[in-house]
Protein backbone atom coordinates (compact mmCIF):
# COMPACT_ATOMS: atom_id res chain seq x y z
CA UNK A 1 -0.10 0.09 -0.08
CA UNK A 2 1.17 3.47 -0.45
CA UNK A 3 0.83 6.08 2.13
CA UNK A 4 0.72 9.82 2.41
CA UNK A 5 1.45 11.49 5.80
CA UNK A 6 0.02 15.30 5.92
CA UNK A 7 1.88 17.14 8.46
CA UNK A 8 5.24 16.79 9.47
CA UNK A 9 5.46 17.51 13.43
CA UNK A 10 7.26 14.87 15.49
CA UNK A 11 4.50 12.43 15.18
CA UNK A 12 3.87 12.64 11.39
CA UNK A 13 7.50 12.46 10.85
CA UNK A 14 8.22 9.62 13.20
CA UNK A 15 5.24 7.63 11.50
CA UNK A 16 6.59 8.34 7.98
CA UNK A 17 9.83 7.09 9.18
CA UNK A 18 8.42 3.97 10.69
CA UNK A 19 6.64 3.22 7.33
CA UNK A 20 9.82 4.01 5.16
CA UNK A 21 11.77 1.75 7.41
CA UNK A 22 9.20 -1.00 6.77
CA UNK A 23 9.78 -0.76 3.10
CA UNK A 24 6.50 1.23 2.39
CA UNK A 25 6.18 3.93 -0.32
CA UNK A 26 5.42 6.99 1.76
CA UNK A 27 4.99 10.68 0.94
CA UNK A 28 5.60 13.28 3.89
CA UNK A 29 3.80 16.40 3.15
CA UNK A 30 4.91 19.20 5.71
CA UNK A 31 2.53 22.37 6.15
CA UNK A 32 5.36 24.89 5.37
CA UNK A 33 7.13 24.67 2.12
CA UNK A 34 10.44 25.89 3.68
CA UNK A 35 10.14 23.12 6.28
CA UNK A 36 9.74 20.73 3.28
CA UNK A 37 12.92 21.94 1.64
CA UNK A 38 15.00 21.41 4.58
CA UNK A 39 13.81 18.10 5.66
CA UNK A 40 14.04 16.98 1.96
CA UNK A 41 17.74 18.05 1.66
CA UNK A 42 19.05 17.05 5.17
CA UNK A 43 16.69 14.09 5.33
CA UNK A 44 16.21 15.00 9.02
CA UNK A 45 13.54 17.03 10.92
CA UNK A 46 15.55 18.96 13.11
CA UNK A 47 12.88 21.26 14.32
CA UNK A 48 10.67 18.54 15.67
CA UNK A 49 12.45 15.15 15.64
CA UNK A 50 16.30 15.97 15.65
CA UNK A 51 18.69 13.08 15.03
CA UNK A 52 16.36 10.80 13.49
CA UNK A 53 17.15 10.43 9.60
CA UNK A 54 14.47 9.39 7.03
CA UNK A 55 14.93 6.38 4.82
CA UNK A 56 14.95 6.87 1.06
CA UNK A 57 11.53 5.36 0.83
CA UNK A 58 10.11 8.39 2.39
CA UNK A 59 9.54 11.33 -0.18
CA UNK A 60 9.06 14.72 0.99
CA UNK A 61 7.12 17.36 -0.90
CA UNK A 62 5.33 20.58 0.11
CA UNK A 63 2.76 20.17 -2.85
CA UNK A 64 -0.17 18.21 -1.56
CA UNK A 65 -1.41 17.06 -4.78
CA UNK A 66 2.16 15.27 -5.37
CA UNK A 67 1.99 13.69 -1.95
CA UNK A 68 -1.45 12.50 -2.27
CA UNK A 69 -1.05 11.10 -5.99
CA UNK A 70 -1.68 7.46 -5.98
CA UNK A 71 -1.99 7.15 -2.12
CA UNK A 72 -4.02 4.24 -0.89
CA UNK A 73 -3.81 5.55 2.78
CA UNK A 74 -3.84 8.98 3.82
CA UNK A 75 -2.68 9.74 7.39
CA UNK A 76 -3.67 13.05 8.91
CA UNK A 77 -1.12 13.95 11.59
CA UNK A 78 -2.37 17.40 12.35
CA UNK A 79 -3.77 19.19 15.84
CA UNK A 80 -7.59 18.59 16.28
CA UNK A 81 -8.16 22.35 15.80
CA UNK A 82 -6.67 22.52 12.45
CA UNK A 83 -8.16 19.07 11.32
CA UNK A 84 -11.18 20.58 9.47
CA UNK A 85 -8.86 23.15 7.31
CA UNK A 86 -6.59 20.26 6.58
CA UNK A 87 -9.17 18.04 5.44
CA UNK A 88 -10.53 20.57 3.30
CA UNK A 89 -7.22 21.03 1.76
CA UNK A 90 -7.05 17.32 1.03
CA UNK A 91 -10.39 17.19 -0.52
CA UNK A 92 -9.56 19.92 -3.15
CA UNK A 93 -6.06 18.57 -3.85
CA UNK A 94 -7.62 14.77 -4.32
CA UNK A 95 -10.18 16.10 -6.99
CA UNK A 96 -11.87 12.85 -8.18
CA UNK A 97 -9.22 10.66 -6.71
CA UNK A 98 -10.48 8.26 -3.79
CA UNK A 99 -8.23 6.76 -1.26
CA UNK A 100 -8.96 3.54 0.44
CA UNK A 101 -8.80 5.02 3.86
CA UNK A 102 -8.38 8.33 5.62
CA UNK A 103 -6.85 8.02 8.93
CA UNK A 104 -6.68 10.62 11.80
CA UNK A 105 -3.52 10.93 14.18
CA UNK A 106 -5.24 13.73 15.99
CA UNK A 107 -6.30 13.30 19.76
CA UNK A 108 -8.82 15.93 20.59
CA UNK A 109 -12.53 17.35 20.11
CA UNK A 110 -13.11 20.22 17.70
CA UNK A 111 -14.22 23.43 19.60
CA UNK A 112 -17.84 24.59 19.25
CA UNK A 113 -19.14 21.44 17.46
CA UNK A 114 -17.49 18.90 19.87
CA UNK A 115 -16.75 16.69 16.93
CA UNK A 116 -14.47 13.77 16.95
CA UNK A 117 -11.67 13.90 14.41
CA UNK A 118 -13.23 11.21 12.38
CA UNK A 119 -16.27 13.23 12.28
CA UNK A 120 -14.69 16.13 11.11
CA UNK A 121 -12.94 14.37 8.30
CA UNK A 122 -16.19 12.58 7.22
CA UNK A 123 -17.87 16.15 7.00
CA UNK A 124 -15.07 17.33 4.83
CA UNK A 125 -14.56 13.93 2.68
CA UNK A 126 -17.76 12.68 2.39
CA UNK A 127 -17.95 9.05 0.93
CA UNK A 128 -14.50 8.30 2.14
CA UNK A 129 -13.82 5.52 4.59
CA UNK A 130 -12.48 7.10 7.70
CA UNK A 131 -10.39 5.79 10.78
CA UNK A 132 -8.41 6.70 13.58
CA UNK A 133 -4.96 5.41 15.00
CA UNK A 134 -4.29 5.87 18.69
CA UNK A 135 -2.14 4.36 21.55
CA UNK A 136 0.73 4.94 23.87
CA UNK A 137 3.25 5.86 21.25
CA UNK A 138 5.86 8.52 22.04
CA UNK A 139 7.22 9.96 18.60
CA UNK A 140 10.82 9.59 19.50
CA UNK A 141 10.62 6.08 20.71
CA UNK A 142 8.82 4.95 17.43
CA UNK A 143 11.36 6.82 15.51
CA UNK A 144 14.15 4.84 17.54
CA UNK A 145 12.45 1.59 16.56
CA UNK A 146 11.47 0.78 20.28
CA UNK A 147 8.50 -1.77 20.76
CA UNK A 148 5.23 -0.17 20.67
CA UNK A 149 1.38 -1.18 20.10
CA UNK A 150 -1.43 0.88 18.83
CA UNK A 151 -5.12 0.26 17.73
CA UNK A 152 -6.84 1.27 14.56
CA UNK A 153 -10.47 1.86 14.39
CA UNK A 154 -12.31 2.36 11.10
CA UNK A 155 -15.69 3.43 10.02
CA UNK A 156 -17.04 2.28 6.47
CA UNK A 157 -13.64 0.17 5.73
CA UNK A 158 -13.32 -2.69 7.97
CA UNK A 159 -11.86 -4.87 5.20
CA UNK A 160 -9.49 -2.07 4.39
CA UNK A 161 -8.38 -1.64 7.86
CA UNK A 162 -7.24 -5.42 8.18
CA UNK A 163 -5.10 -4.45 4.98
CA UNK A 164 -3.66 -1.17 6.57
CA UNK A 165 -3.32 -3.14 9.88
CA UNK A 166 -0.84 -5.65 8.19
CA UNK A 167 1.02 -2.66 6.20
CA UNK A 168 1.57 -0.74 9.32
CA UNK A 169 2.61 -3.59 11.71
CA UNK A 170 6.05 -5.03 11.87
CA UNK A 171 8.73 -6.20 14.25
CA UNK A 172 8.86 -2.79 16.12
CA UNK A 173 5.13 -1.63 15.98
CA UNK A 174 2.04 -3.95 16.59
CA UNK A 175 -1.44 -2.62 15.54
CA UNK A 176 -4.62 -4.10 16.88
CA UNK A 177 -8.08 -3.34 15.14
CA UNK A 178 -11.61 -2.57 16.50
CA UNK A 179 -14.85 -1.19 15.24
CA UNK A 180 -15.38 0.99 18.32
CA UNK A 181 -14.26 4.29 16.57
CA UNK A 182 -15.80 6.65 19.19
CA UNK A 183 -14.15 4.79 22.01
CA UNK A 184 -10.61 4.96 20.43
CA UNK A 185 -11.06 8.66 19.72
CA UNK A 186 -12.47 9.66 22.99
CA UNK A 187 -9.94 7.67 24.82
CA UNK A 188 -7.14 9.30 23.18
CA UNK A 189 -8.86 12.72 23.76
CA UNK A 190 -9.46 12.21 27.32
CA UNK A 191 -6.08 11.08 28.24
CA UNK A 192 -4.52 14.41 27.49
CA UNK A 193 -7.02 16.21 29.99
CA UNK A 194 -5.99 13.62 32.73
CA UNK A 195 -2.45 13.87 31.89
CA UNK A 196 -2.69 17.78 32.54
CA UNK A 197 -4.23 16.65 35.79
CA UNK A 198 -1.64 14.24 36.62
CA UNK A 199 0.93 17.03 35.77
CA UNK A 200 -0.47 19.34 38.32
CA UNK A 201 -0.19 16.68 40.71
CA UNK A 202 3.56 16.47 40.16
CA UNK A 203 3.94 20.00 40.15
CA UNK A 204 2.31 20.39 43.58
CA UNK A 205 4.41 17.55 45.05
CA UNK A 206 1.47 15.43 46.07
CA UNK A 207 3.48 11.92 45.70
CA UNK A 208 2.82 8.84 44.22
CA UNK A 209 -0.22 7.76 46.23
CA UNK A 210 -2.27 10.87 45.10
CA UNK A 211 -1.21 10.59 41.31
CA UNK A 212 -2.09 6.75 41.43
CA UNK A 213 -5.39 7.29 42.94
CA UNK A 214 -6.01 10.19 40.22
CA UNK A 215 -5.08 7.79 37.41
CA UNK A 216 -7.30 5.20 38.59
CA UNK A 217 -10.50 7.26 39.08
CA UNK A 218 -9.57 8.94 35.54
CA UNK A 219 -9.86 5.57 34.09
CA UNK A 220 -13.44 5.34 35.84
CA UNK A 221 -14.31 8.40 34.47
CA UNK A 222 -13.29 7.82 30.97
CA UNK A 223 -15.34 4.71 30.96
CA UNK A 224 -18.46 6.90 32.35
CA UNK A 225 -18.02 9.65 29.90
CA UNK A 226 -17.21 7.62 26.86
CA UNK A 227 -20.12 5.23 27.63
CA UNK A 228 -22.72 8.02 27.99
CA UNK A 229 -21.39 9.20 24.67
CA UNK A 230 -21.95 5.95 22.99
CA UNK A 231 -18.53 4.21 23.00
CA UNK A 232 -18.14 0.82 24.28
CA UNK A 233 -16.69 0.81 28.02
CA UNK A 234 -14.35 -2.17 27.34
CA UNK A 235 -12.44 0.07 24.71
CA UNK A 236 -11.21 2.44 27.48
CA UNK A 237 -9.25 -0.50 29.15
CA UNK A 238 -7.45 -1.04 25.86
CA UNK A 239 -4.44 0.57 24.25
CA UNK A 240 -6.14 3.62 23.34
CA UNK A 241 -7.48 4.32 26.79
CA UNK A 242 -5.70 2.80 29.74
CA UNK A 243 -2.58 2.27 27.65
CA UNK A 244 -2.32 5.78 26.35
CA UNK A 245 -3.32 7.22 30.06
CA UNK A 246 -0.48 5.61 31.66
CA UNK A 247 2.15 6.60 29.08
CA UNK A 248 1.16 10.33 28.79
CA UNK A 249 0.43 10.69 32.45
CA UNK A 250 4.08 9.47 33.38
CA UNK A 251 6.22 10.12 30.25
CA UNK A 252 8.79 12.94 30.77
CA UNK A 253 8.38 13.75 26.99
CA UNK A 254 4.48 14.20 27.48
CA UNK A 255 3.61 17.82 26.39
CA UNK A 256 0.29 17.52 28.42
CA UNK A 257 1.97 16.10 31.64
CA UNK A 258 4.46 18.72 31.74
CA UNK A 259 2.12 21.56 30.96
CA UNK A 260 0.16 20.30 33.96
CA UNK A 261 3.44 20.27 35.93
CA UNK A 262 4.33 23.67 35.17
CA UNK A 263 0.93 24.82 36.21
CA UNK A 264 1.04 23.08 39.48
CA UNK A 265 4.36 24.58 39.95
CA UNK A 266 2.99 27.89 39.87
CA UNK A 267 3.49 29.09 36.31
CA UNK A 268 0.89 31.31 34.73
CA UNK A 269 -1.06 29.53 31.91
CA UNK A 270 -0.80 32.56 29.61
CA UNK A 271 3.17 32.44 29.95
CA UNK A 272 3.12 28.82 29.14
CA UNK A 273 0.93 29.19 25.90
CA UNK A 274 2.87 32.26 24.70
CA UNK A 275 5.21 31.49 21.87
CA UNK A 276 4.84 27.75 21.96
CA UNK A 277 5.94 25.88 18.70
CA UNK A 278 4.28 22.58 19.78
CA UNK A 279 0.55 22.26 20.55
CA UNK A 280 -0.82 21.02 24.09
CA UNK A 281 -3.79 19.15 22.57
CA UNK A 282 -5.30 18.59 26.04
CA UNK A 283 -5.80 22.50 26.63
CA UNK A 284 -8.87 22.99 24.01
CA UNK A 285 -9.74 19.58 24.37
CA UNK A 286 -10.55 20.03 27.98
CA UNK A 287 -12.74 23.18 27.20
CA UNK A 288 -14.71 21.15 24.38
CA UNK A 289 -15.26 18.13 26.57
CA UNK A 290 -16.40 20.43 29.54
CA UNK A 291 -18.93 22.06 27.10
CA UNK A 292 -20.05 18.60 25.82
CA UNK A 293 -20.48 17.01 29.26
CA UNK A 294 -22.37 20.14 30.47
CA UNK A 295 -24.73 20.01 27.45
CA UNK A 296 -25.29 16.06 27.78
CA UNK A 297 -25.63 16.37 31.73
CA UNK A 298 -22.59 14.04 32.39
CA UNK A 299 -20.83 14.36 35.73
CA UNK A 300 -17.17 14.16 35.20
CA UNK A 301 -15.49 15.75 38.47
CA UNK A 302 -12.01 15.31 37.47
CA UNK A 303 -12.42 16.89 34.08
CA UNK A 304 -14.59 19.71 35.50
CA UNK A 305 -11.88 20.55 37.90
CA UNK A 306 -9.29 20.51 35.26
CA UNK A 307 -11.28 22.76 32.94
CA UNK A 308 -11.66 25.38 36.28
CA UNK A 309 -7.91 25.28 36.60
CA UNK A 310 -7.24 26.06 32.86
CA UNK A 311 -10.18 28.43 32.02
CA UNK A 312 -11.81 29.71 35.41
CA UNK A 313 -8.58 30.60 37.38
CA UNK A 314 -9.01 27.92 39.89
CA UNK A 315 -5.97 27.06 41.97
CA UNK A 316 -4.63 23.54 41.29
CA UNK A 317 -4.58 22.98 45.26
CA UNK A 318 -8.18 23.91 45.49
CA UNK A 319 -9.14 21.66 42.75
CA UNK A 320 -7.50 18.66 44.45
CA UNK A 321 -8.94 19.48 47.77
CA UNK A 322 -12.45 19.68 46.07
CA UNK A 323 -11.98 16.17 44.59
CA UNK A 324 -11.02 14.71 47.95
CA UNK A 325 -13.69 16.16 49.77
CA UNK A 326 -16.48 14.77 47.49
CA UNK A 327 -19.33 12.65 48.61
CA UNK A 328 -18.15 9.38 49.89
CA UNK A 329 -18.78 6.38 47.85
CA UNK A 330 -18.70 2.81 47.40
CA UNK A 331 -15.90 1.84 44.65
CA UNK A 332 -17.51 -0.21 41.88
CA UNK A 333 -15.30 -1.76 39.20
CA UNK A 334 -16.42 -3.30 35.98
CA UNK A 335 -14.45 -6.17 34.56
CA UNK A 336 -14.40 -7.11 30.88
CA UNK A 337 -12.86 -10.76 30.13
CA UNK A 338 -10.90 -10.81 27.05
CA UNK A 339 -8.92 -13.79 25.75
């Protein structure tokens, strides 16, 4: 299969590198022409993924039409808030051509509409099979070839998803499939919110006990929120839910965790956002999910307190205190047996 990766941040570049290393034909299309020239000449994305050389199988171009030509699978590696614009550009560049599958690598909900990435793509690219690829995958580790696993969810292309699974998988990256597209996307989005909360715990110096308790209750909240929004509860115990949550809330590389850590340490949010080169997906996703939960009447205390910290001036210490002083309850855990 031929692949086109649209977006050359750390994750888009790492995924193109992985595909090229596996012998796949892949085009990498950076957003900025000058970035494409530099990457094409040096075979390295020094801005976002320094030290990782692209194999010869990866063709770099700034012209979207060239990158998309003949592509069976299009991977959109852009932030959730720019996904609609990117999808519209892809639609215009494709013309009458039809890829077998368009896959989102974004992890967030669109502001205003509260739509999942696949829903945004579906609106902009009607009639095209759409999927999402998610899981605990740090870009630098994937680029280095360290073992990792992901899950591919697809709508309108189950047979194609199996082919894509085989094309992407290899000795260094194992891909599973599922038809629970909402669950995979909600899990990948929610974990960024909880990573900010976990980072606040780190910044406040609350210790391992508090962080472990927070993550345990975050899983329960993911199941509750996702289930209320139409996802299957068991999906959140998989790679795109619990797996990604563990990695993002503990990894030193995690932008969302580090963002929360700085807030917990007393840094002003406006200062942290000013002049950033990389996107903290959990920031706007928190606001979008808070609005969605409010509209649907879904009680999500950790999400709500995180939203208060980010957008209502709530002190992280006060948010933690509020969570600790909630009404006492009996713990209930749902078990999902899988072979």
